[in-house]
């Protein structure tokens, strides 16, 4: 099983609070090992957006990087 499927299987049916805790703890830990998992969540979310929403997200990210 690849990392995408493993992560999505592990997080499947997570509650709002569980997912929030996983994300917050992962970011707070400063461990680079969490980055692939957050990347999988980002990919899943990004792929769920329509083109207008994707453009808005990319614009927001560009602004964060200035």
PDB file of N, CA and C in Angstrom:
ATOM      1  N   UNK A   1       0.856  -1.173   0.000  1.00  0.00           N
ATOM      2  CA  UNK A   1       0.000   0.000   0.000  1.00  0.00           C
ATOM      3  C   UNK A   1       0.903   1.238   0.000  1.00  0.00           C
ATOM      4  N   UNK A   2       0.605   2.194  -0.887  1.00  0.00           N
ATOM      5  CA  UNK A   2       1.415   3.401  -0.936  1.00  0.00           C
ATOM      6  C   UNK A   2       1.017   4.372   0.179  1.00  0.00           C
ATOM      7  N   UNK A   3       1.813   5.416   0.338  1.00  0.00           N
ATOM      8  CA  UNK A   3       1.610   6.356   1.448  1.00  0.00           C
ATOM      9  C   UNK A   3       0.248   7.052   1.361  1.00  0.00           C
ATOM     10  N   UNK A   4      -0.190   7.376   0.134  1.00  0.00           N
ATOM     11  CA  UNK A   4      -1.495   8.037  -0.015  1.00  0.00           C
ATOM     12  C   UNK A   4      -2.609   7.160   0.534  1.00  0.00           C
ATOM     13  N   UNK A   5      -2.652   5.923   0.057  1.00  0.00           N
ATOM     14  CA  UNK A   5      -3.711   5.013   0.490  1.00  0.00           C
ATOM     15  C   UNK A   5      -3.614   4.688   1.970  1.00  0.00           C
ATOM     16  N   UNK A   6      -2.398   4.528   2.473  1.00  0.00           N
ATOM     17  CA  UNK A   6      -2.226   4.218   3.895  1.00  0.00           C
ATOM     18  C   UNK A   6      -2.752   5.365   4.754  1.00  0.00           C
ATOM     19  N   UNK A   7      -2.414   6.581   4.396  1.00  0.00           N
ATOM     20  CA  UNK A   7      -2.869   7.732   5.167  1.00  0.00           C
ATOM     21  C   UNK A   7      -4.390   7.881   5.085  1.00  0.00           C
ATOM     22  N   UNK A   8      -4.935   7.790   3.882  1.00  0.00           N
ATOM     23  CA  UNK A   8      -6.380   7.952   3.721  1.00  0.00           C
ATOM     24  C   UNK A   8      -7.149   6.848   4.433  1.00  0.00           C
ATOM     25  N   UNK A   9      -6.603   5.647   4.440  1.00  0.00           N
ATOM     26  CA  UNK A   9      -7.238   4.542   5.171  1.00  0.00           C
ATOM     27  C   UNK A   9      -7.211   4.818   6.672  1.00  0.00           C
ATOM     28  N   UNK A  10      -6.077   5.293   7.169  1.00  0.00           N
ATOM     29  CA  UNK A  10      -5.940   5.585   8.601  1.00  0.00           C
ATOM     30  C   UNK A  10      -6.888   6.703   9.038  1.00  0.00           C
ATOM     31  N   UNK A  11      -7.059   7.716   8.191  1.00  0.00           N
ATOM     32  CA  UNK A  11      -7.870   8.874   8.558  1.00  0.00           C
ATOM     33  C   UNK A  11      -9.343   8.738   8.189  1.00  0.00           C
ATOM     34  N   UNK A  12      -9.687   7.698   7.460  1.00  0.00           N
ATOM     35  CA  UNK A  12     -11.068   7.496   7.018  1.00  0.00           C
ATOM     36  C   UNK A  12     -12.029   7.544   8.211  1.00  0.00           C
ATOM     37  N   UNK A  13     -13.064   8.334   8.074  1.00  0.00           N
ATOM     38  CA  UNK A  13     -14.106   8.510   9.096  1.00  0.00           C
ATOM     39  C   UNK A  13     -13.608   9.187  10.370  1.00  0.00           C
ATOM     40  N   UNK A  14     -12.490   9.915  10.281  1.00  0.00           N
ATOM     41  CA  UNK A  14     -12.040  10.693  11.444  1.00  0.00           C
ATOM     42  C   UNK A  14     -13.049  11.794  11.715  1.00  0.00           C
ATOM     43  N   UNK A  15     -13.254  12.072  12.981  1.00  0.00           N
ATOM     44  CA  UNK A  15     -14.157  13.165  13.338  1.00  0.00           C
ATOM     45  C   UNK A  15     -13.438  14.498  13.106  1.00  0.00           C
ATOM     46  N   UNK A  16     -14.199  15.575  13.136  1.00  0.00           N
ATOM     47  CA  UNK A  16     -13.646  16.916  13.000  1.00  0.00           C
ATOM     48  C   UNK A  16     -12.541  17.138  14.033  1.00  0.00           C
ATOM     49  N   UNK A  17     -12.829  16.835  15.278  1.00  0.00           N
ATOM     50  CA  UNK A  17     -11.854  17.066  16.353  1.00  0.00           C
ATOM     51  C   UNK A  17     -10.626  16.183  16.216  1.00  0.00           C
ATOM     52  N   UNK A  18     -10.812  14.939  15.809  1.00  0.00           N
ATOM     53  CA  UNK A  18      -9.667  14.042  15.620  1.00  0.00           C
ATOM     54  C   UNK A  18      -8.754  14.567  14.518  1.00  0.00           C
ATOM     55  N   UNK A  19      -9.353  14.974  13.405  1.00  0.00           N
ATOM     56  CA  UNK A  19      -8.551  15.466  12.291  1.00  0.00           C
ATOM     57  C   UNK A  19      -7.850  16.768  12.664  1.00  0.00           C
ATOM     58  N   UNK A  20      -8.544  17.641  13.354  1.00  0.00           N
ATOM     59  CA  UNK A  20      -7.925  18.893  13.798  1.00  0.00           C
ATOM     60  C   UNK A  20      -6.725  18.593  14.692  1.00  0.00           C
ATOM     61  N   UNK A  21      -6.880  17.670  15.622  1.00  0.00           N
ATOM     62  CA  UNK A  21      -5.801  17.318  16.541  1.00  0.00           C
ATOM     63  C   UNK A  21      -4.607  16.720  15.795  1.00  0.00           C
ATOM     64  N   UNK A  22      -4.877  15.846  14.851  1.00  0.00           N
ATOM     65  CA  UNK A  22      -3.799  15.229  14.069  1.00  0.00           C
ATOM     66  C   UNK A  22      -3.021  16.289  13.307  1.00  0.00           C
ATOM     67  N   UNK A  23      -3.732  17.212  12.660  1.00  0.00           N
ATOM     68  CA  UNK A  23      -3.076  18.274  11.888  1.00  0.00           C
ATOM     69  C   UNK A  23      -2.292  19.197  12.806  1.00  0.00           C
ATOM     70  N   UNK A  24      -2.928  19.667  13.871  1.00  0.00           N
ATOM     71  CA  UNK A  24      -2.253  20.597  14.789  1.00  0.00           C
ATOM     72  C   UNK A  24      -1.035  19.973  15.453  1.00  0.00           C
ATOM     73  N   UNK A  25      -1.157  18.736  15.891  1.00  0.00           N
ATOM     74  CA  UNK A  25      -0.018  18.056  16.520  1.00  0.00           C
ATOM     75  C   UNK A  25       1.106  17.827  15.515  1.00  0.00           C
ATOM     76  N   UNK A  26       0.744  17.475  14.294  1.00  0.00           N
ATOM     77  CA  UNK A  26       1.754  17.261  13.264  1.00  0.00           C
ATOM     78  C   UNK A  26       2.534  18.522  12.959  1.00  0.00           C
ATOM     79  N   UNK A  27       1.839  19.632  12.843  1.00  0.00           N
ATOM     80  CA  UNK A  27       2.502  20.907  12.570  1.00  0.00           C
ATOM     81  C   UNK A  27       3.340  21.338  13.767  1.00  0.00           C
ATOM     82  N   UNK A  28       2.804  21.205  14.965  1.00  0.00           N
ATOM     83  CA  UNK A  28       3.509  21.624  16.177  1.00  0.00           C
ATOM     84  C   UNK A  28       4.766  20.797  16.425  1.00  0.00           C
ATOM     85  N   UNK A  29       4.765  19.550  15.990  1.00  0.00           N
ATOM     86  CA  UNK A  29       5.906  18.672  16.262  1.00  0.00           C
ATOM     87  C   UNK A  29       7.153  19.085  15.495  1.00  0.00           C
ATOM     88  N   UNK A  30       6.985  19.834  14.409  1.00  0.00           N
ATOM     89  CA  UNK A  30       8.107  20.267  13.557  1.00  0.00           C
ATOM     90  C   UNK A  30       8.857  19.086  12.941  1.00  0.00           C
ATOM     91  N   UNK A  31       8.231  17.903  12.983  1.00  0.00           N
ATOM     92  CA  UNK A  31       8.845  16.721  12.383  1.00  0.00           C
ATOM     93  C   UNK A  31       8.595  16.726  10.880  1.00  0.00           C
ATOM     94  N   UNK A  32       9.626  16.553  10.115  1.00  0.00           N
ATOM     95  CA  UNK A  32       9.478  16.539   8.668  1.00  0.00           C
ATOM     96  C   UNK A  32       8.729  15.306   8.180  1.00  0.00           C
ATOM     97  N   UNK A  33       8.629  14.298   9.012  1.00  0.00           N
ATOM     98  CA  UNK A  33       7.923  13.083   8.603  1.00  0.00           C
ATOM     99  C   UNK A  33       6.429  13.331   8.417  1.00  0.00           C
ATOM    100  N   UNK A  34       5.886  14.399   8.997  1.00  0.00           N
ATOM    101  CA  UNK A  34       4.471  14.707   8.849  1.00  0.00           C
ATOM    102  C   UNK A  34       4.176  15.362   7.503  1.00  0.00           C
ATOM    103  N   UNK A  35       5.181  15.953   6.870  1.00  0.00           N
ATOM    104  CA  UNK A  35       4.962  16.681   5.622  1.00  0.00           C
ATOM    105  C   UNK A  35       4.329  15.839   4.515  1.00  0.00           C
ATOM    106  N   UNK A  36       4.744  14.600   4.293  1.00  0.00           N
ATOM    107  CA  UNK A  36       4.073  13.812   3.258  1.00  0.00           C
ATOM    108  C   UNK A  36       2.587  13.594   3.560  1.00  0.00           C
ATOM    109  N   UNK A  37       2.264  13.388   4.824  1.00  0.00           N
ATOM    110  CA  UNK A  37       0.862  13.191   5.196  1.00  0.00           C
ATOM    111  C   UNK A  37       0.031  14.437   4.960  1.00  0.00           C
ATOM    112  N   UNK A  38       0.573  15.591   5.333  1.00  0.00           N
ATOM    113  CA  UNK A  38      -0.129  16.845   5.081  1.00  0.00           C
ATOM    114  C   UNK A  38      -0.239  17.091   3.583  1.00  0.00           C
ATOM    115  N   UNK A  39       0.766  16.676   2.850  1.00  0.00           N
ATOM    116  CA  UNK A  39       0.728  16.807   1.393  1.00  0.00           C
ATOM    117  C   UNK A  39      -0.382  15.973   0.775  1.00  0.00           C
ATOM    118  N   UNK A  40      -0.612  14.787   1.312  1.00  0.00           N
ATOM    119  CA  UNK A  40      -1.699  13.928   0.823  1.00  0.00           C
ATOM    120  C   UNK A  40      -3.046  14.597   1.091  1.00  0.00           C
ATOM    121  N   UNK A  41      -3.204  15.180   2.282  1.00  0.00           N
ATOM    122  CA  UNK A  41      -4.451  15.881   2.593  1.00  0.00           C
ATOM    123  C   UNK A  41      -4.629  17.092   1.680  1.00  0.00           C
ATOM    124  N   UNK A  42      -3.551  17.827   1.445  1.00  0.00           N
ATOM    125  CA  UNK A  42      -3.610  18.971   0.548  1.00  0.00           C
ATOM    126  C   UNK A  42      -4.023  18.522  -0.856  1.00  0.00           C
ATOM    127  N   UNK A  43      -3.409  17.460  -1.351  1.00  0.00           N
ATOM    128  CA  UNK A  43      -3.720  16.936  -2.682  1.00  0.00           C
ATOM    129  C   UNK A  43      -5.195  16.533  -2.781  1.00  0.00           C
ATOM    130  N   UNK A  44      -5.688  15.838  -1.779  1.00  0.00           N
ATOM    131  CA  UNK A  44      -7.078  15.393  -1.773  1.00  0.00           C
ATOM    132  C   UNK A  44      -8.024  16.600  -1.793  1.00  0.00           C
ATOM    133  N   UNK A  45      -7.727  17.595  -0.974  1.00  0.00           N
ATOM    134  CA  UNK A  45      -8.557  18.801  -0.922  1.00  0.00           C
ATOM    135  C   UNK A  45      -8.486  19.556  -2.244  1.00  0.00           C
ATOM    136  N   UNK A  46      -7.293  19.778  -2.755  1.00  0.00           N
ATOM    137  CA  UNK A  46      -7.100  20.521  -3.993  1.00  0.00           C
ATOM    138  C   UNK A  46      -7.858  19.856  -5.142  1.00  0.00           C
ATOM    139  N   UNK A  47      -7.776  18.555  -5.215  1.00  0.00           N
ATOM    140  CA  UNK A  47      -8.447  17.829  -6.292  1.00  0.00           C
ATOM    141  C   UNK A  47      -9.972  17.884  -6.172  1.00  0.00           C
ATOM    142  N   UNK A  48     -10.478  18.231  -5.006  1.00  0.00           N
ATOM    143  CA  UNK A  48     -11.928  18.321  -4.828  1.00  0.00           C
ATOM    144  C   UNK A  48     -12.490  19.684  -5.248  1.00  0.00           C
ATOM    145  N   UNK A  49     -11.604  20.634  -5.528  1.00  0.00           N
ATOM    146  CA  UNK A  49     -12.027  21.989  -5.865  1.00  0.00           C
ATOM    147  C   UNK A  49     -12.327  22.127  -7.356  1.00  0.00           C
ATOM    148  N   UNK A  50     -13.220  23.076  -7.675  1.00  0.00           N
ATOM    149  CA  UNK A  50     -13.424  23.395  -9.086  1.00  0.00           C
ATOM    150  C   UNK A  50     -12.313  24.359  -9.517  1.00  0.00           C
ATOM    151  N   UNK A  51     -12.246  24.687 -10.799  1.00  0.00           N
ATOM    152  CA  UNK A  51     -11.142  25.505 -11.301  1.00  0.00           C
ATOM    153  C   UNK A  51     -11.096  26.895 -10.675  1.00  0.00           C
ATOM    154  N   UNK A  52     -12.234  27.505 -10.427  1.00  0.00           N
ATOM    155  CA  UNK A  52     -12.267  28.822  -9.803  1.00  0.00           C
ATOM    156  C   UNK A  52     -11.715  28.744  -8.385  1.00  0.00           C
ATOM    157  N   UNK A  53     -12.120  27.728  -7.639  1.00  0.00           N
ATOM    158  CA  UNK A  53     -11.630  27.551  -6.272  1.00  0.00           C
ATOM    159  C   UNK A  53     -10.127  27.266  -6.264  1.00  0.00           C
ATOM    160  N   UNK A  54      -9.667  26.490  -7.236  1.00  0.00           N
ATOM    161  CA  UNK A  54      -8.227  26.215  -7.340  1.00  0.00           C
ATOM    162  C   UNK A  54      -7.462  27.504  -7.589  1.00  0.00           C
ATOM    163  N   UNK A  55      -7.981  28.352  -8.489  1.00  0.00           N
ATOM    164  CA  UNK A  55      -7.321  29.626  -8.769  1.00  0.00           C
ATOM    165  C   UNK A  55      -7.268  30.496  -7.518  1.00  0.00           C
ATOM    166  N   UNK A  56      -8.358  30.531  -6.757  1.00  0.00           N
ATOM    167  CA  UNK A  56      -8.400  31.318  -5.524  1.00  0.00           C
ATOM    168  C   UNK A  56      -7.386  30.786  -4.506  1.00  0.00           C
ATOM    169  N   UNK A  57      -7.296  29.473  -4.411  1.00  0.00           N
ATOM    170  CA  UNK A  57      -6.347  28.883  -3.469  1.00  0.00           C
ATOM    171  C   UNK A  57      -4.918  29.206  -3.877  1.00  0.00           C
ATOM    172  N   UNK A  58      -4.616  29.068  -5.153  1.00  0.00           N
ATOM    173  CA  UNK A  58      -3.263  29.350  -5.628  1.00  0.00           C
ATOM    174  C   UNK A  58      -2.931  30.823  -5.416  1.00  0.00           C
ATOM    175  N   UNK A  59      -3.898  31.695  -5.657  1.00  0.00           N
ATOM    176  CA  UNK A  59      -3.684  33.122  -5.409  1.00  0.00           C
ATOM    177  C   UNK A  59      -3.385  33.372  -3.936  1.00  0.00           C
ATOM    178  N   UNK A  60      -4.130  32.734  -3.051  1.00  0.00           N
ATOM    179  CA  UNK A  60      -3.876  32.876  -1.610  1.00  0.00           C
ATOM    180  C   UNK A  60      -2.485  32.380  -1.245  1.00  0.00           C
ATOM    181  N   UNK A  61      -2.090  31.252  -1.802  1.00  0.00           N
ATOM    182  CA  UNK A  61      -0.759  30.717  -1.531  1.00  0.00           C
ATOM    183  C   UNK A  61       0.332  31.656  -2.054  1.00  0.00           C
ATOM    184  N   UNK A  62       0.123  32.220  -3.233  1.00  0.00           N
ATOM    185  CA  UNK A  62       1.086  33.185  -3.775  1.00  0.00           C
ATOM    186  C   UNK A  62       1.242  34.376  -2.842  1.00  0.00           C
ATOM    187  N   UNK A  63       0.127  34.842  -2.312  1.00  0.00           N
ATOM    188  CA  UNK A  63       0.181  35.973  -1.386  1.00  0.00           C
ATOM    189  C   UNK A  63       0.906  35.623  -0.099  1.00  0.00           C
ATOM    190  N   UNK A  64       0.754  34.399   0.376  1.00  0.00           N
ATOM    191  CA  UNK A  64       1.472  33.963   1.577  1.00  0.00           C
ATOM    192  C   UNK A  64       2.980  33.921   1.365  1.00  0.00           C
ATOM    193  N   UNK A  65       3.378  33.680   0.141  1.00  0.00           N
ATOM    194  CA  UNK A  65       4.798  33.503  -0.162  1.00  0.00           C
ATOM    195  C   UNK A  65       5.509  34.807  -0.512  1.00  0.00           C
ATOM    196  N   UNK A  66       4.802  35.926  -0.470  1.00  0.00           N
ATOM    197  CA  UNK A  66       5.425  37.216  -0.777  1.00  0.00           C
ATOM    198  C   UNK A  66       6.120  37.771   0.436  1.00  0.00           C
TER     199      UNK A  66
END
